[in-house]
Amino acid sequence: DMAIWPWAKLWENQGQDLSKFPHMQRWLEQMAARPAVVKGLAVG
């Protein structure tokens, strides 16, 4: 999950329509709510 999420969170820049991937969307939001994910993303 930690390896895939940083790439998948950039779906908009990759020209994707997230509405086509509802399960991925749920998972993206769930990952983004994790405190450690928030802290790791904030580095730099």
PDB file of all heavy atoms in Angstrom:
ATOM      1  N   ASP A   1       0.833  -1.202   0.000  1.00  0.00           N
ATOM      2  CA  ASP A   1       0.000   0.000   0.000  1.00  0.00           C
ATOM      3  C   ASP A   1       0.867   1.251   0.000  1.00  0.00           C
ATOM      4  O   ASP A   1       0.592   2.217  -0.739  1.00  0.00           O
ATOM      5  CB  ASP A   1      -0.909   0.013   1.230  1.00  0.00           C
ATOM      6  CG  ASP A   1      -1.866  -1.159   1.263  1.00  0.00           C
ATOM      7  OD1 ASP A   1      -2.876  -1.109   0.549  1.00  0.00           O
ATOM      8  OD2 ASP A   1      -1.585  -2.123   1.997  1.00  0.00           O
ATOM      9  N   MET A   2       1.911   1.254   0.821  1.00  0.00           N
ATOM     10  CA  MET A   2       2.781   2.425   0.916  1.00  0.00           C
ATOM     11  C   MET A   2       3.547   2.672  -0.372  1.00  0.00           C
ATOM     12  O   MET A   2       3.886   3.826  -0.694  1.00  0.00           O
ATOM     13  CB  MET A   2       3.759   2.242   2.081  1.00  0.00           C
ATOM     14  CG  MET A   2       3.109   2.082   3.430  1.00  0.00           C
ATOM     15  SD  MET A   2       4.346   1.782   4.712  1.00  0.00           S
ATOM     16  CE  MET A   2       3.494   0.576   5.717  1.00  0.00           C
ATOM     17  N   ALA A   3       3.841   1.623  -1.106  1.00  0.00           N
ATOM     18  CA  ALA A   3       4.568   1.778  -2.365  1.00  0.00           C
ATOM     19  C   ALA A   3       3.666   2.295  -3.475  1.00  0.00           C
ATOM     20  O   ALA A   3       4.083   3.123  -4.303  1.00  0.00           O
ATOM     21  CB  ALA A   3       5.182   0.438  -2.780  1.00  0.00           C
ATOM     22  N   ILE A   4       2.434   1.836  -3.513  1.00  0.00           N
ATOM     23  CA  ILE A   4       1.529   2.172  -4.610  1.00  0.00           C
ATOM     24  C   ILE A   4       0.874   3.534  -4.421  1.00  0.00           C
ATOM     25  O   ILE A   4       0.706   4.292  -5.388  1.00  0.00           O
ATOM     26  CB  ILE A   4       0.466   1.062  -4.763  1.00  0.00           C
ATOM     27  CG1 ILE A   4       1.142  -0.247  -5.206  1.00  0.00           C
ATOM     28  CG2 ILE A   4      -0.620   1.449  -5.754  1.00  0.00           C
ATOM     29  CD1 ILE A   4       0.257  -1.472  -5.113  1.00  0.00           C
ATOM     30  N   TRP A   5       0.518   3.869  -3.199  1.00  0.00           N
ATOM     31  CA  TRP A   5      -0.247   5.096  -2.956  1.00  0.00           C
ATOM     32  C   TRP A   5       0.428   6.365  -3.466  1.00  0.00           C
ATOM     33  O   TRP A   5      -0.251   7.213  -4.079  1.00  0.00           O
ATOM     34  CB  TRP A   5      -0.565   5.227  -1.464  1.00  0.00           C
ATOM     35  CG  TRP A   5      -1.421   6.412  -1.150  1.00  0.00           C
ATOM     36  CD1 TRP A   5      -2.784   6.501  -1.282  1.00  0.00           C
ATOM     37  CD2 TRP A   5      -0.981   7.683  -0.678  1.00  0.00           C
ATOM     38  NE1 TRP A   5      -3.210   7.752  -0.912  1.00  0.00           N
ATOM     39  CE2 TRP A   5      -2.122   8.501  -0.539  1.00  0.00           C
ATOM     40  CE3 TRP A   5       0.267   8.219  -0.357  1.00  0.00           C
ATOM     41  CZ2 TRP A   5      -2.044   9.821  -0.092  1.00  0.00           C
ATOM     42  CZ3 TRP A   5       0.349   9.533   0.084  1.00  0.00           C
ATOM     43  CH2 TRP A   5      -0.800  10.320   0.215  1.00  0.00           C
ATOM     44  N   PRO A   6       1.743   6.580  -3.245  1.00  0.00           N
ATOM     45  CA  PRO A   6       2.335   7.840  -3.714  1.00  0.00           C
ATOM     46  C   PRO A   6       2.222   8.066  -5.215  1.00  0.00           C
ATOM     47  O   PRO A   6       2.169   9.212  -5.663  1.00  0.00           O
ATOM     48  CB  PRO A   6       3.803   7.709  -3.282  1.00  0.00           C
ATOM     49  CG  PRO A   6       3.770   6.790  -2.110  1.00  0.00           C
ATOM     50  CD  PRO A   6       2.712   5.786  -2.467  1.00  0.00           C
ATOM     51  N   TRP A   7       2.189   6.996  -5.991  1.00  0.00           N
ATOM     52  CA  TRP A   7       1.975   7.124  -7.429  1.00  0.00           C
ATOM     53  C   TRP A   7       0.498   7.281  -7.750  1.00  0.00           C
ATOM     54  O   TRP A   7       0.105   8.112  -8.571  1.00  0.00           O
ATOM     55  CB  TRP A   7       2.557   5.915  -8.159  1.00  0.00           C
ATOM     56  CG  TRP A   7       4.045   5.936  -8.240  1.00  0.00           C
ATOM     57  CD1 TRP A   7       4.929   5.245  -7.454  1.00  0.00           C
ATOM     58  CD2 TRP A   7       4.834   6.703  -9.149  1.00  0.00           C
ATOM     59  NE1 TRP A   7       6.212   5.537  -7.816  1.00  0.00           N
ATOM     60  CE2 TRP A   7       6.191   6.427  -8.857  1.00  0.00           C
ATOM     61  CE3 TRP A   7       4.542   7.603 -10.175  1.00  0.00           C
ATOM     62  CZ2 TRP A   7       7.244   7.011  -9.558  1.00  0.00           C
ATOM     63  CZ3 TRP A   7       5.590   8.194 -10.873  1.00  0.00           C
ATOM     64  CH2 TRP A   7       6.916   7.900 -10.554  1.00  0.00           C
ATOM     65  N   ALA A   8      -0.346   6.485  -7.087  1.00  0.00           N
ATOM     66  CA  ALA A   8      -1.774   6.511  -7.398  1.00  0.00           C
ATOM     67  C   ALA A   8      -2.423   7.827  -7.005  1.00  0.00           C
ATOM     68  O   ALA A   8      -3.406   8.247  -7.639  1.00  0.00           O
ATOM     69  CB  ALA A   8      -2.472   5.341  -6.697  1.00  0.00           C
ATOM     70  N   LYS A   9      -1.900   8.506  -5.983  1.00  0.00           N
ATOM     71  CA  LYS A   9      -2.481   9.773  -5.565  1.00  0.00           C
ATOM     72  C   LYS A   9      -2.353  10.850  -6.634  1.00  0.00           C
ATOM     73  O   LYS A   9      -3.022  11.881  -6.577  1.00  0.00           O
ATOM     74  CB  LYS A   9      -1.837  10.255  -4.259  1.00  0.00           C
ATOM     75  CG  LYS A   9      -0.408  10.758  -4.412  1.00  0.00           C
ATOM     76  CD  LYS A   9       0.173  11.264  -3.100  1.00  0.00           C
ATOM     77  CE  LYS A   9      -0.392  12.599  -2.689  1.00  0.00           C
ATOM     78  NZ  LYS A   9       0.023  13.722  -3.586  1.00  0.00           N
ATOM     79  N   LEU A  10      -1.490  10.632  -7.609  1.00  0.00           N
ATOM     80  CA  LEU A  10      -1.265  11.602  -8.679  1.00  0.00           C
ATOM     81  C   LEU A  10      -2.099  11.291  -9.918  1.00  0.00           C
ATOM     82  O   LEU A  10      -1.753  11.702 -11.026  1.00  0.00           O
ATOM     83  CB  LEU A  10       0.227  11.632  -9.036  1.00  0.00           C
ATOM     84  CG  LEU A  10       1.168  12.003  -7.880  1.00  0.00           C
ATOM     85  CD1 LEU A  10       2.621  11.900  -8.330  1.00  0.00           C
ATOM     86  CD2 LEU A  10       0.866  13.398  -7.351  1.00  0.00           C
ATOM     87  N   TRP A  11      -3.199  10.595  -9.748  1.00  0.00           N
ATOM     88  CA  TRP A  11      -4.032  10.154 -10.863  1.00  0.00           C
ATOM     89  C   TRP A  11      -4.459  11.309 -11.766  1.00  0.00           C
ATOM     90  O   TRP A  11      -4.540  11.149 -12.986  1.00  0.00           O
ATOM     91  CB  TRP A  11      -5.277   9.438 -10.318  1.00  0.00           C
ATOM     92  CG  TRP A  11      -6.080  10.276  -9.375  1.00  0.00           C
ATOM     93  CD1 TRP A  11      -5.943  10.355  -8.016  1.00  0.00           C
ATOM     94  CD2 TRP A  11      -7.146  11.184  -9.716  1.00  0.00           C
ATOM     95  NE1 TRP A  11      -6.841  11.231  -7.487  1.00  0.00           N
ATOM     96  CE2 TRP A  11      -7.595  11.759  -8.503  1.00  0.00           C
ATOM     97  CE3 TRP A  11      -7.764  11.550 -10.901  1.00  0.00           C
ATOM     98  CZ2 TRP A  11      -8.629  12.697  -8.446  1.00  0.00           C
ATOM     99  CZ3 TRP A  11      -8.801  12.481 -10.864  1.00  0.00           C
ATOM    100  CH2 TRP A  11      -9.213  13.034  -9.657  1.00  0.00           C
ATOM    101  N   GLU A  12      -4.694  12.475 -11.193  1.00  0.00           N
ATOM    102  CA  GLU A  12      -5.166  13.599 -12.009  1.00  0.00           C
ATOM    103  C   GLU A  12      -4.094  14.047 -12.996  1.00  0.00           C
ATOM    104  O   GLU A  12      -4.383  14.304 -14.171  1.00  0.00           O
ATOM    105  CB  GLU A  12      -5.586  14.760 -11.107  1.00  0.00           C
ATOM    106  CG  GLU A  12      -6.331  15.855 -11.834  1.00  0.00           C
ATOM    107  CD  GLU A  12      -6.946  16.864 -10.881  1.00  0.00           C
ATOM    108  OE1 GLU A  12      -6.628  16.826  -9.672  1.00  0.00           O
ATOM    109  OE2 GLU A  12      -7.740  17.695 -11.354  1.00  0.00           O
ATOM    110  N   ASN A  13      -2.847  14.126 -12.519  1.00  0.00           N
ATOM    111  CA  ASN A  13      -1.742  14.492 -13.407  1.00  0.00           C
ATOM    112  C   ASN A  13      -1.504  13.444 -14.484  1.00  0.00           C
ATOM    113  O   ASN A  13      -0.850  13.726 -15.502  1.00  0.00           O
ATOM    114  CB  ASN A  13      -0.465  14.702 -12.610  1.00  0.00           C
ATOM    115  CG  ASN A  13      -0.469  16.002 -11.840  1.00  0.00           C
ATOM    116  OD1 ASN A  13      -1.293  16.872 -12.101  1.00  0.00           O
ATOM    117  ND2 ASN A  13       0.436  16.133 -10.889  1.00  0.00           N
ATOM    118  N   GLN A  14      -1.997  12.231 -14.253  1.00  0.00           N
ATOM    119  CA  GLN A  14      -1.837  11.143 -15.215  1.00  0.00           C
ATOM    120  C   GLN A  14      -3.023  11.057 -16.180  1.00  0.00           C
ATOM    121  O   GLN A  14      -3.138  10.100 -16.949  1.00  0.00           O
ATOM    122  CB  GLN A  14      -1.659   9.824 -14.453  1.00  0.00           C
ATOM    123  CG  GLN A  14      -0.419   9.807 -13.574  1.00  0.00           C
ATOM    124  CD  GLN A  14      -0.530   8.853 -12.408  1.00  0.00           C
ATOM    125  OE1 GLN A  14      -1.452   8.042 -12.326  1.00  0.00           O
ATOM    126  NE2 GLN A  14       0.408   8.947 -11.483  1.00  0.00           N
ATOM    127  N   GLY A  15      -3.896  12.060 -16.134  1.00  0.00           N
ATOM    128  CA  GLY A  15      -5.005  12.128 -17.080  1.00  0.00           C
ATOM    129  C   GLY A  15      -6.088  11.103 -16.850  1.00  0.00           C
ATOM    130  O   GLY A  15      -6.761  10.683 -17.794  1.00  0.00           O
ATOM    131  N   GLN A  16      -6.309  10.712 -15.586  1.00  0.00           N
ATOM    132  CA  GLN A  16      -7.270   9.659 -15.285  1.00  0.00           C
ATOM    133  C   GLN A  16      -8.580  10.225 -14.731  1.00  0.00           C
ATOM    134  O   GLN A  16      -8.611  11.315 -14.153  1.00  0.00           O
ATOM    135  CB  GLN A  16      -6.666   8.674 -14.282  1.00  0.00           C
ATOM    136  CG  GLN A  16      -5.368   8.053 -14.748  1.00  0.00           C
ATOM    137  CD  GLN A  16      -5.496   7.328 -16.073  1.00  0.00           C
ATOM    138  OE1 GLN A  16      -6.435   6.554 -16.264  1.00  0.00           O
ATOM    139  NE2 GLN A  16      -4.550   7.542 -16.979  1.00  0.00           N
ATOM    140  N   ASP A  17      -9.638   9.473 -14.894  1.00  0.00           N
ATOM    141  CA  ASP A  17     -10.956   9.788 -14.358  1.00  0.00           C
ATOM    142  C   ASP A  17     -11.204   8.871 -13.168  1.00  0.00           C
ATOM    143  O   ASP A  17     -11.486   7.680 -13.334  1.00  0.00           O
ATOM    144  CB  ASP A  17     -12.018   9.582 -15.441  1.00  0.00           C
ATOM    145  CG  ASP A  17     -13.432   9.874 -14.945  1.00  0.00           C
ATOM    146  OD1 ASP A  17     -13.601  10.201 -13.746  1.00  0.00           O
ATOM    147  OD2 ASP A  17     -14.373   9.746 -15.752  1.00  0.00           O
ATOM    148  N   LEU A  18     -11.083   9.420 -11.965  1.00  0.00           N
ATOM    149  CA  LEU A  18     -11.162   8.591 -10.759  1.00  0.00           C
ATOM    150  C   LEU A  18     -12.543   7.987 -10.567  1.00  0.00           C
ATOM    151  O   LEU A  18     -12.675   6.959  -9.883  1.00  0.00           O
ATOM    152  CB  LEU A  18     -10.754   9.417  -9.538  1.00  0.00           C
ATOM    153  CG  LEU A  18     -10.411   8.638  -8.269  1.00  0.00           C
ATOM    154  CD1 LEU A  18      -9.262   7.668  -8.509  1.00  0.00           C
ATOM    155  CD2 LEU A  18     -10.058   9.601  -7.134  1.00  0.00           C
ATOM    156  N   SER A  19     -13.564   8.579 -11.147  1.00  0.00           N
ATOM    157  CA  SER A  19     -14.914   8.029 -10.994  1.00  0.00           C
ATOM    158  C   SER A  19     -15.033   6.633 -11.606  1.00  0.00           C
ATOM    159  O   SER A  19     -15.951   5.873 -11.264  1.00  0.00           O
ATOM    160  CB  SER A  19     -15.944   8.965 -11.629  1.00  0.00           C
ATOM    161  OG  SER A  19     -15.802   9.014 -13.040  1.00  0.00           O
ATOM    162  N   LYS A  20     -14.121   6.282 -12.481  1.00  0.00           N
ATOM    163  CA  LYS A  20     -14.117   4.950 -13.079  1.00  0.00           C
ATOM    164  C   LYS A  20     -13.533   3.897 -12.139  1.00  0.00           C
ATOM    165  O   LYS A  20     -13.651   2.700 -12.409  1.00  0.00           O
ATOM    166  CB  LYS A  20     -13.323   4.964 -14.387  1.00  0.00           C
ATOM    167  CG  LYS A  20     -13.932   5.830 -15.474  1.00  0.00           C
ATOM    168  CD  LYS A  20     -13.085   5.786 -16.733  1.00  0.00           C
ATOM    169  CE  LYS A  20     -13.694   6.636 -17.840  1.00  0.00           C
ATOM    170  NZ  LYS A  20     -12.860   6.626 -19.077  1.00  0.00           N
ATOM    171  N   PHE A  21     -12.917   4.342 -11.053  1.00  0.00           N
ATOM    172  CA  PHE A  21     -12.220   3.430 -10.144  1.00  0.00           C
ATOM    173  C   PHE A  21     -12.684   3.675  -8.709  1.00  0.00           C
ATOM    174  O   PHE A  21     -11.927   4.169  -7.865  1.00  0.00           O
ATOM    175  CB  PHE A  21     -10.704   3.641 -10.265  1.00  0.00           C
ATOM    176  CG  PHE A  21     -10.190   3.657 -11.675  1.00  0.00           C
ATOM    177  CD1 PHE A  21      -9.658   4.822 -12.233  1.00  0.00           C
ATOM    178  CD2 PHE A  21     -10.226   2.512 -12.458  1.00  0.00           C
ATOM    179  CE1 PHE A  21      -9.180   4.840 -13.533  1.00  0.00           C
ATOM    180  CE2 PHE A  21      -9.751   2.513 -13.760  1.00  0.00           C
ATOM    181  CZ  PHE A  21      -9.229   3.684 -14.303  1.00  0.00           C
ATOM    182  N   PRO A  22     -13.927   3.329  -8.373  1.00  0.00           N
ATOM    183  CA  PRO A  22     -14.479   3.664  -7.054  1.00  0.00           C
ATOM    184  C   PRO A  22     -13.764   2.980  -5.890  1.00  0.00           C
ATOM    185  O   PRO A  22     -13.649   3.560  -4.806  1.00  0.00           O
ATOM    186  CB  PRO A  22     -15.937   3.212  -7.167  1.00  0.00           C
ATOM    187  CG  PRO A  22     -15.934   2.178  -8.258  1.00  0.00           C
ATOM    188  CD  PRO A  22     -14.902   2.628  -9.231  1.00  0.00           C
ATOM    189  N   HIS A  23     -13.318   1.756  -6.095  1.00  0.00           N
ATOM    190  CA  HIS A  23     -12.629   1.047  -5.005  1.00  0.00           C
ATOM    191  C   HIS A  23     -11.250   1.657  -4.759  1.00  0.00           C
ATOM    192  O   HIS A  23     -10.817   1.791  -3.613  1.00  0.00           O
ATOM    193  CB  HIS A  23     -12.514  -0.439  -5.343  1.00  0.00           C
ATOM    194  CG  HIS A  23     -13.828  -1.063  -5.707  1.00  0.00           C
ATOM    195  ND1 HIS A  23     -14.874  -1.150  -4.818  1.00  0.00           N
ATOM    196  CD2 HIS A  23     -14.271  -1.603  -6.877  1.00  0.00           C
ATOM    197  CE1 HIS A  23     -15.913  -1.720  -5.415  1.00  0.00           C
ATOM    198  NE2 HIS A  23     -15.567  -2.005  -6.665  1.00  0.00           N
ATOM    199  N   MET A  24     -10.581   2.035  -5.817  1.00  0.00           N
ATOM    200  CA  MET A  24      -9.311   2.747  -5.694  1.00  0.00           C
ATOM    201  C   MET A  24      -9.523   4.088  -4.996  1.00  0.00           C
ATOM    202  O   MET A  24      -8.723   4.484  -4.141  1.00  0.00           O
ATOM    203  CB  MET A  24      -8.704   2.950  -7.084  1.00  0.00           C
ATOM    204  CG  MET A  24      -7.466   3.808  -7.108  1.00  0.00           C
ATOM    205  SD  MET A  24      -6.854   3.989  -8.813  1.00  0.00           S
ATOM    206  CE  MET A  24      -5.818   5.446  -8.629  1.00  0.00           C
ATOM    207  N   GLN A  25     -10.594   4.785  -5.339  1.00  0.00           N
ATOM    208  CA  GLN A  25     -10.883   6.078  -4.713  1.00  0.00           C
ATOM    209  C   GLN A  25     -11.084   5.919  -3.208  1.00  0.00           C
ATOM    210  O   GLN A  25     -10.541   6.703  -2.415  1.00  0.00           O
ATOM    211  CB  GLN A  25     -12.125   6.704  -5.338  1.00  0.00           C
ATOM    212  CG  GLN A  25     -12.461   8.082  -4.767  1.00  0.00           C
ATOM    213  CD  GLN A  25     -13.618   8.734  -5.489  1.00  0.00           C
ATOM    214  OE1 GLN A  25     -14.312   8.101  -6.270  1.00  0.00           O
ATOM    215  NE2 GLN A  25     -13.837  10.010  -5.236  1.00  0.00           N
ATOM    216  N   ARG A  26     -11.849   4.909  -2.797  1.00  0.00           N
ATOM    217  CA  ARG A  26     -12.043   4.653  -1.364  1.00  0.00           C
ATOM    218  C   ARG A  26     -10.719   4.405  -0.672  1.00  0.00           C
ATOM    219  O   ARG A  26     -10.433   4.959   0.392  1.00  0.00           O
ATOM    220  CB  ARG A  26     -12.981   3.445  -1.209  1.00  0.00           C
ATOM    221  CG  ARG A  26     -13.339   3.083   0.231  1.00  0.00           C
ATOM    222  CD  ARG A  26     -12.396   2.076   0.845  1.00  0.00           C
ATOM    223  NE  ARG A  26     -12.222   0.893   0.023  1.00  0.00           N
ATOM    224  CZ  ARG A  26     -11.221   0.031   0.171  1.00  0.00           C
ATOM    225  NH1 ARG A  26     -10.272   0.240   1.078  1.00  0.00           N
ATOM    226  NH2 ARG A  26     -11.119  -1.023  -0.607  1.00  0.00           N
ATOM    227  N   TRP A  27      -9.873   3.607  -1.298  1.00  0.00           N
ATOM    228  CA  TRP A  27      -8.563   3.270  -0.721  1.00  0.00           C
ATOM    229  C   TRP A  27      -7.657   4.497  -0.663  1.00  0.00           C
ATOM    230  O   TRP A  27      -6.953   4.704   0.333  1.00  0.00           O
ATOM    231  CB  TRP A  27      -7.945   2.147  -1.553  1.00  0.00           C
ATOM    232  CG  TRP A  27      -6.520   1.844  -1.264  1.00  0.00           C
ATOM    233  CD1 TRP A  27      -6.022   1.087  -0.238  1.00  0.00           C
ATOM    234  CD2 TRP A  27      -5.385   2.249  -2.027  1.00  0.00           C
ATOM    235  NE1 TRP A  27      -4.654   1.000  -0.315  1.00  0.00           N
ATOM    236  CE2 TRP A  27      -4.250   1.710  -1.408  1.00  0.00           C
ATOM    237  CE3 TRP A  27      -5.229   3.015  -3.188  1.00  0.00           C
ATOM    238  CZ2 TRP A  27      -2.958   1.925  -1.908  1.00  0.00           C
ATOM    239  CZ3 TRP A  27      -3.959   3.231  -3.693  1.00  0.00           C
ATOM    240  CH2 TRP A  27      -2.838   2.688  -3.049  1.00  0.00           C
ATOM    241  N   LEU A  28      -7.642   5.317  -1.705  1.00  0.00           N
ATOM    242  CA  LEU A  28      -6.840   6.541  -1.704  1.00  0.00           C
ATOM    243  C   LEU A  28      -7.208   7.430  -0.524  1.00  0.00           C
ATOM    244  O   LEU A  28      -6.332   7.962   0.169  1.00  0.00           O
ATOM    245  CB  LEU A  28      -7.042   7.310  -3.011  1.00  0.00           C
ATOM    246  CG  LEU A  28      -6.364   6.777  -4.267  1.00  0.00           C
ATOM    247  CD1 LEU A  28      -6.859   7.541  -5.489  1.00  0.00           C
ATOM    248  CD2 LEU A  28      -4.847   6.876  -4.161  1.00  0.00           C
ATOM    249  N   GLU A  29      -8.501   7.587  -0.293  1.00  0.00           N
ATOM    250  CA  GLU A  29      -8.964   8.434   0.811  1.00  0.00           C
ATOM    251  C   GLU A  29      -8.606   7.820   2.159  1.00  0.00           C
ATOM    252  O   GLU A  29      -8.218   8.533   3.098  1.00  0.00           O
ATOM    253  CB  GLU A  29     -10.471   8.638   0.688  1.00  0.00           C
ATOM    254  CG  GLU A  29     -10.869   9.444  -0.535  1.00  0.00           C
ATOM    255  CD  GLU A  29     -12.365   9.447  -0.793  1.00  0.00           C
ATOM    256  OE1 GLU A  29     -13.087   8.718  -0.065  1.00  0.00           O
ATOM    257  OE2 GLU A  29     -12.816  10.152  -1.715  1.00  0.00           O
ATOM    258  N   GLN A  30      -8.723   6.514   2.257  1.00  0.00           N
ATOM    259  CA  GLN A  30      -8.383   5.826   3.506  1.00  0.00           C
ATOM    260  C   GLN A  30      -6.898   5.973   3.820  1.00  0.00           C
ATOM    261  O   GLN A  30      -6.512   6.225   4.967  1.00  0.00           O
ATOM    262  CB  GLN A  30      -8.762   4.351   3.371  1.00  0.00           C
ATOM    263  CG  GLN A  30      -8.640   3.543   4.642  1.00  0.00           C
ATOM    264  CD  GLN A  30      -9.200   2.143   4.457  1.00  0.00           C
ATOM    265  OE1 GLN A  30      -9.833   1.833   3.443  1.00  0.00           O
ATOM    266  NE2 GLN A  30      -8.974   1.290   5.430  1.00  0.00           N
ATOM    267  N   MET A  31      -6.061   5.822   2.797  1.00  0.00           N
ATOM    268  CA  MET A  31      -4.623   5.983   2.985  1.00  0.00           C
ATOM    269  C   MET A  31      -4.281   7.416   3.386  1.00  0.00           C
ATOM    270  O   MET A  31      -3.463   7.646   4.291  1.00  0.00           O
ATOM    271  CB  MET A  31      -3.893   5.617   1.695  1.00  0.00           C
ATOM    272  CG  MET A  31      -3.881   4.143   1.364  1.00  0.00           C
ATOM    273  SD  MET A  31      -2.800   3.185   2.468  1.00  0.00           S
ATOM    274  CE  MET A  31      -1.192   3.864   2.053  1.00  0.00           C
ATOM    275  N   ALA A  32      -4.895   8.379   2.717  1.00  0.00           N
ATOM    276  CA  ALA A  32      -4.586   9.789   2.963  1.00  0.00           C
ATOM    277  C   ALA A  32      -4.959  10.231   4.374  1.00  0.00           C
ATOM    278  O   ALA A  32      -4.454  11.255   4.858  1.00  0.00           O
ATOM    279  CB  ALA A  32      -5.295  10.666   1.938  1.00  0.00           C
ATOM    280  N   ALA A  33      -5.824   9.468   5.036  1.00  0.00           N
ATOM    281  CA  ALA A  33      -6.249   9.808   6.395  1.00  0.00           C
ATOM    282  C   ALA A  33      -5.320   9.251   7.467  1.00  0.00           C
ATOM    283  O   ALA A  33      -5.474   9.601   8.647  1.00  0.00           O
ATOM    284  CB  ALA A  33      -7.668   9.292   6.635  1.00  0.00           C
ATOM    285  N   ARG A  34      -4.363   8.430   7.092  1.00  0.00           N
ATOM    286  CA  ARG A  34      -3.449   7.849   8.077  1.00  0.00           C
ATOM    287  C   ARG A  34      -2.442   8.915   8.524  1.00  0.00           C
ATOM    288  O   ARG A  34      -1.782   9.542   7.683  1.00  0.00           O
ATOM    289  CB  ARG A  34      -2.715   6.644   7.503  1.00  0.00           C
ATOM    290  CG  ARG A  34      -3.616   5.460   7.189  1.00  0.00           C
ATOM    291  CD  ARG A  34      -2.790   4.272   6.703  1.00  0.00           C
ATOM    292  NE  ARG A  34      -1.928   3.730   7.753  1.00  0.00           N
ATOM    293  CZ  ARG A  34      -2.289   2.785   8.617  1.00  0.00           C
ATOM    294  NH1 ARG A  34      -3.529   2.259   8.562  1.00  0.00           N
ATOM    295  NH2 ARG A  34      -1.458   2.351   9.531  1.00  0.00           N
ATOM    296  N   PRO A  35      -2.280   9.128   9.836  1.00  0.00           N
ATOM    297  CA  PRO A  35      -1.353  10.163  10.306  1.00  0.00           C
ATOM    298  C   PRO A  35       0.078   9.989   9.798  1.00  0.00           C
ATOM    299  O   PRO A  35       0.739  10.978   9.447  1.00  0.00           O
ATOM    300  CB  PRO A  35      -1.424  10.025  11.837  1.00  0.00           C
ATOM    301  CG  PRO A  35      -2.784   9.465  12.096  1.00  0.00           C
ATOM    302  CD  PRO A  35      -3.049   8.535  10.949  1.00  0.00           C
ATOM    303  N   ALA A  36       0.569   8.763   9.750  1.00  0.00           N
ATOM    304  CA  ALA A  36       1.941   8.539   9.296  1.00  0.00           C
ATOM    305  C   ALA A  36       2.092   8.851   7.809  1.00  0.00           C
ATOM    306  O   ALA A  36       3.144   9.321   7.367  1.00  0.00           O
ATOM    307  CB  ALA A  36       2.373   7.101   9.581  1.00  0.00           C
ATOM    308  N   VAL A  37       1.053   8.597   7.041  1.00  0.00           N
ATOM    309  CA  VAL A  37       1.086   8.933   5.620  1.00  0.00           C
ATOM    310  C   VAL A  37       1.150  10.447   5.457  1.00  0.00           C
ATOM    311  O   VAL A  37       1.919  10.971   4.634  1.00  0.00           O
ATOM    312  CB  VAL A  37      -0.126   8.339   4.887  1.00  0.00           C
ATOM    313  CG1 VAL A  37      -0.213   8.857   3.456  1.00  0.00           C
ATOM    314  CG2 VAL A  37      -0.042   6.811   4.888  1.00  0.00           C
ATOM    315  N   VAL A  38       0.363  11.159   6.233  1.00  0.00           N
ATOM    316  CA  VAL A  38       0.378  12.620   6.193  1.00  0.00           C
ATOM    317  C   VAL A  38       1.765  13.148   6.542  1.00  0.00           C
ATOM    318  O   VAL A  38       2.306  14.034   5.863  1.00  0.00           O
ATOM    319  CB  VAL A  38      -0.680  13.196   7.152  1.00  0.00           C
ATOM    320  CG1 VAL A  38      -0.576  14.714   7.227  1.00  0.00           C
ATOM    321  CG2 VAL A  38      -2.081  12.781   6.712  1.00  0.00           C
ATOM    322  N   LYS A  39       2.378  12.600   7.578  1.00  0.00           N
ATOM    323  CA  LYS A  39       3.705  13.046   8.003  1.00  0.00           C
ATOM    324  C   LYS A  39       4.769  12.711   6.958  1.00  0.00           C
ATOM    325  O   LYS A  39       5.643  13.524   6.671  1.00  0.00           O
ATOM    326  CB  LYS A  39       4.070  12.401   9.345  1.00  0.00           C
ATOM    327  CG  LYS A  39       3.269  12.917  10.525  1.00  0.00           C
ATOM    328  CD  LYS A  39       3.693  12.222  11.814  1.00  0.00           C
ATOM    329  CE  LYS A  39       2.896  12.715  13.008  1.00  0.00           C
ATOM    330  NZ  LYS A  39       3.292  12.013  14.268  1.00  0.00           N
ATOM    331  N   GLY A  40       4.689  11.511   6.407  1.00  0.00           N
ATOM    332  CA  GLY A  40       5.667  11.115   5.400  1.00  0.00           C
ATOM    333  C   GLY A  40       5.580  11.963   4.148  1.00  0.00           C
ATOM    334  O   GLY A  40       6.594  12.328   3.549  1.00  0.00           O
ATOM    335  N   LEU A  41       4.366  12.313   3.760  1.00  0.00           N
ATOM    336  CA  LEU A  41       4.156  13.135   2.578  1.00  0.00           C
ATOM    337  C   LEU A  41       4.655  14.559   2.790  1.00  0.00           C
ATOM    338  O   LEU A  41       5.039  15.242   1.826  1.00  0.00           O
ATOM    339  CB  LEU A  41       2.669  13.140   2.224  1.00  0.00           C
ATOM    340  CG  LEU A  41       2.263  13.774   0.901  1.00  0.00           C
ATOM    341  CD1 LEU A  41       2.839  12.994  -0.272  1.00  0.00           C
ATOM    342  CD2 LEU A  41       0.743  13.842   0.793  1.00  0.00           C
ATOM    343  N   ALA A  42       4.675  15.006   4.028  1.00  0.00           N
ATOM    344  CA  ALA A  42       5.077  16.383   4.337  1.00  0.00           C
ATOM    345  C   ALA A  42       6.582  16.577   4.375  1.00  0.00           C
ATOM    346  O   ALA A  42       7.055  17.722   4.414  1.00  0.00           O
ATOM    347  CB  ALA A  42       4.472  16.808   5.676  1.00  0.00           C
ATOM    348  N   VAL A  43       7.354  15.497   4.350  1.00  0.00           N
ATOM    349  CA  VAL A  43       8.816  15.627   4.417  1.00  0.00           C
ATOM    350  C   VAL A  43       9.312  16.346   3.153  1.00  0.00           C
ATOM    351  O   VAL A  43       9.067  15.904   2.038  1.00  0.00           O
ATOM    352  CB  VAL A  43       9.486  14.251   4.552  1.00  0.00           C
ATOM    353  CG1 VAL A  43      11.008  14.393   4.507  1.00  0.00           C
ATOM    354  CG2 VAL A  43       9.052  13.566   5.841  1.00  0.00           C
ATOM    355  N   GLY A  44       9.980  17.460   3.356  1.00  0.00           N
ATOM    356  CA  GLY A  44      10.492  18.217   2.220  1.00  0.00           C
ATOM    357  C   GLY A  44       9.434  18.967   1.449  1.00  0.00           C
ATOM    358  O   GLY A  44       9.659  19.368   0.301  1.00  0.00           O
TER     359      GLY A  44
END
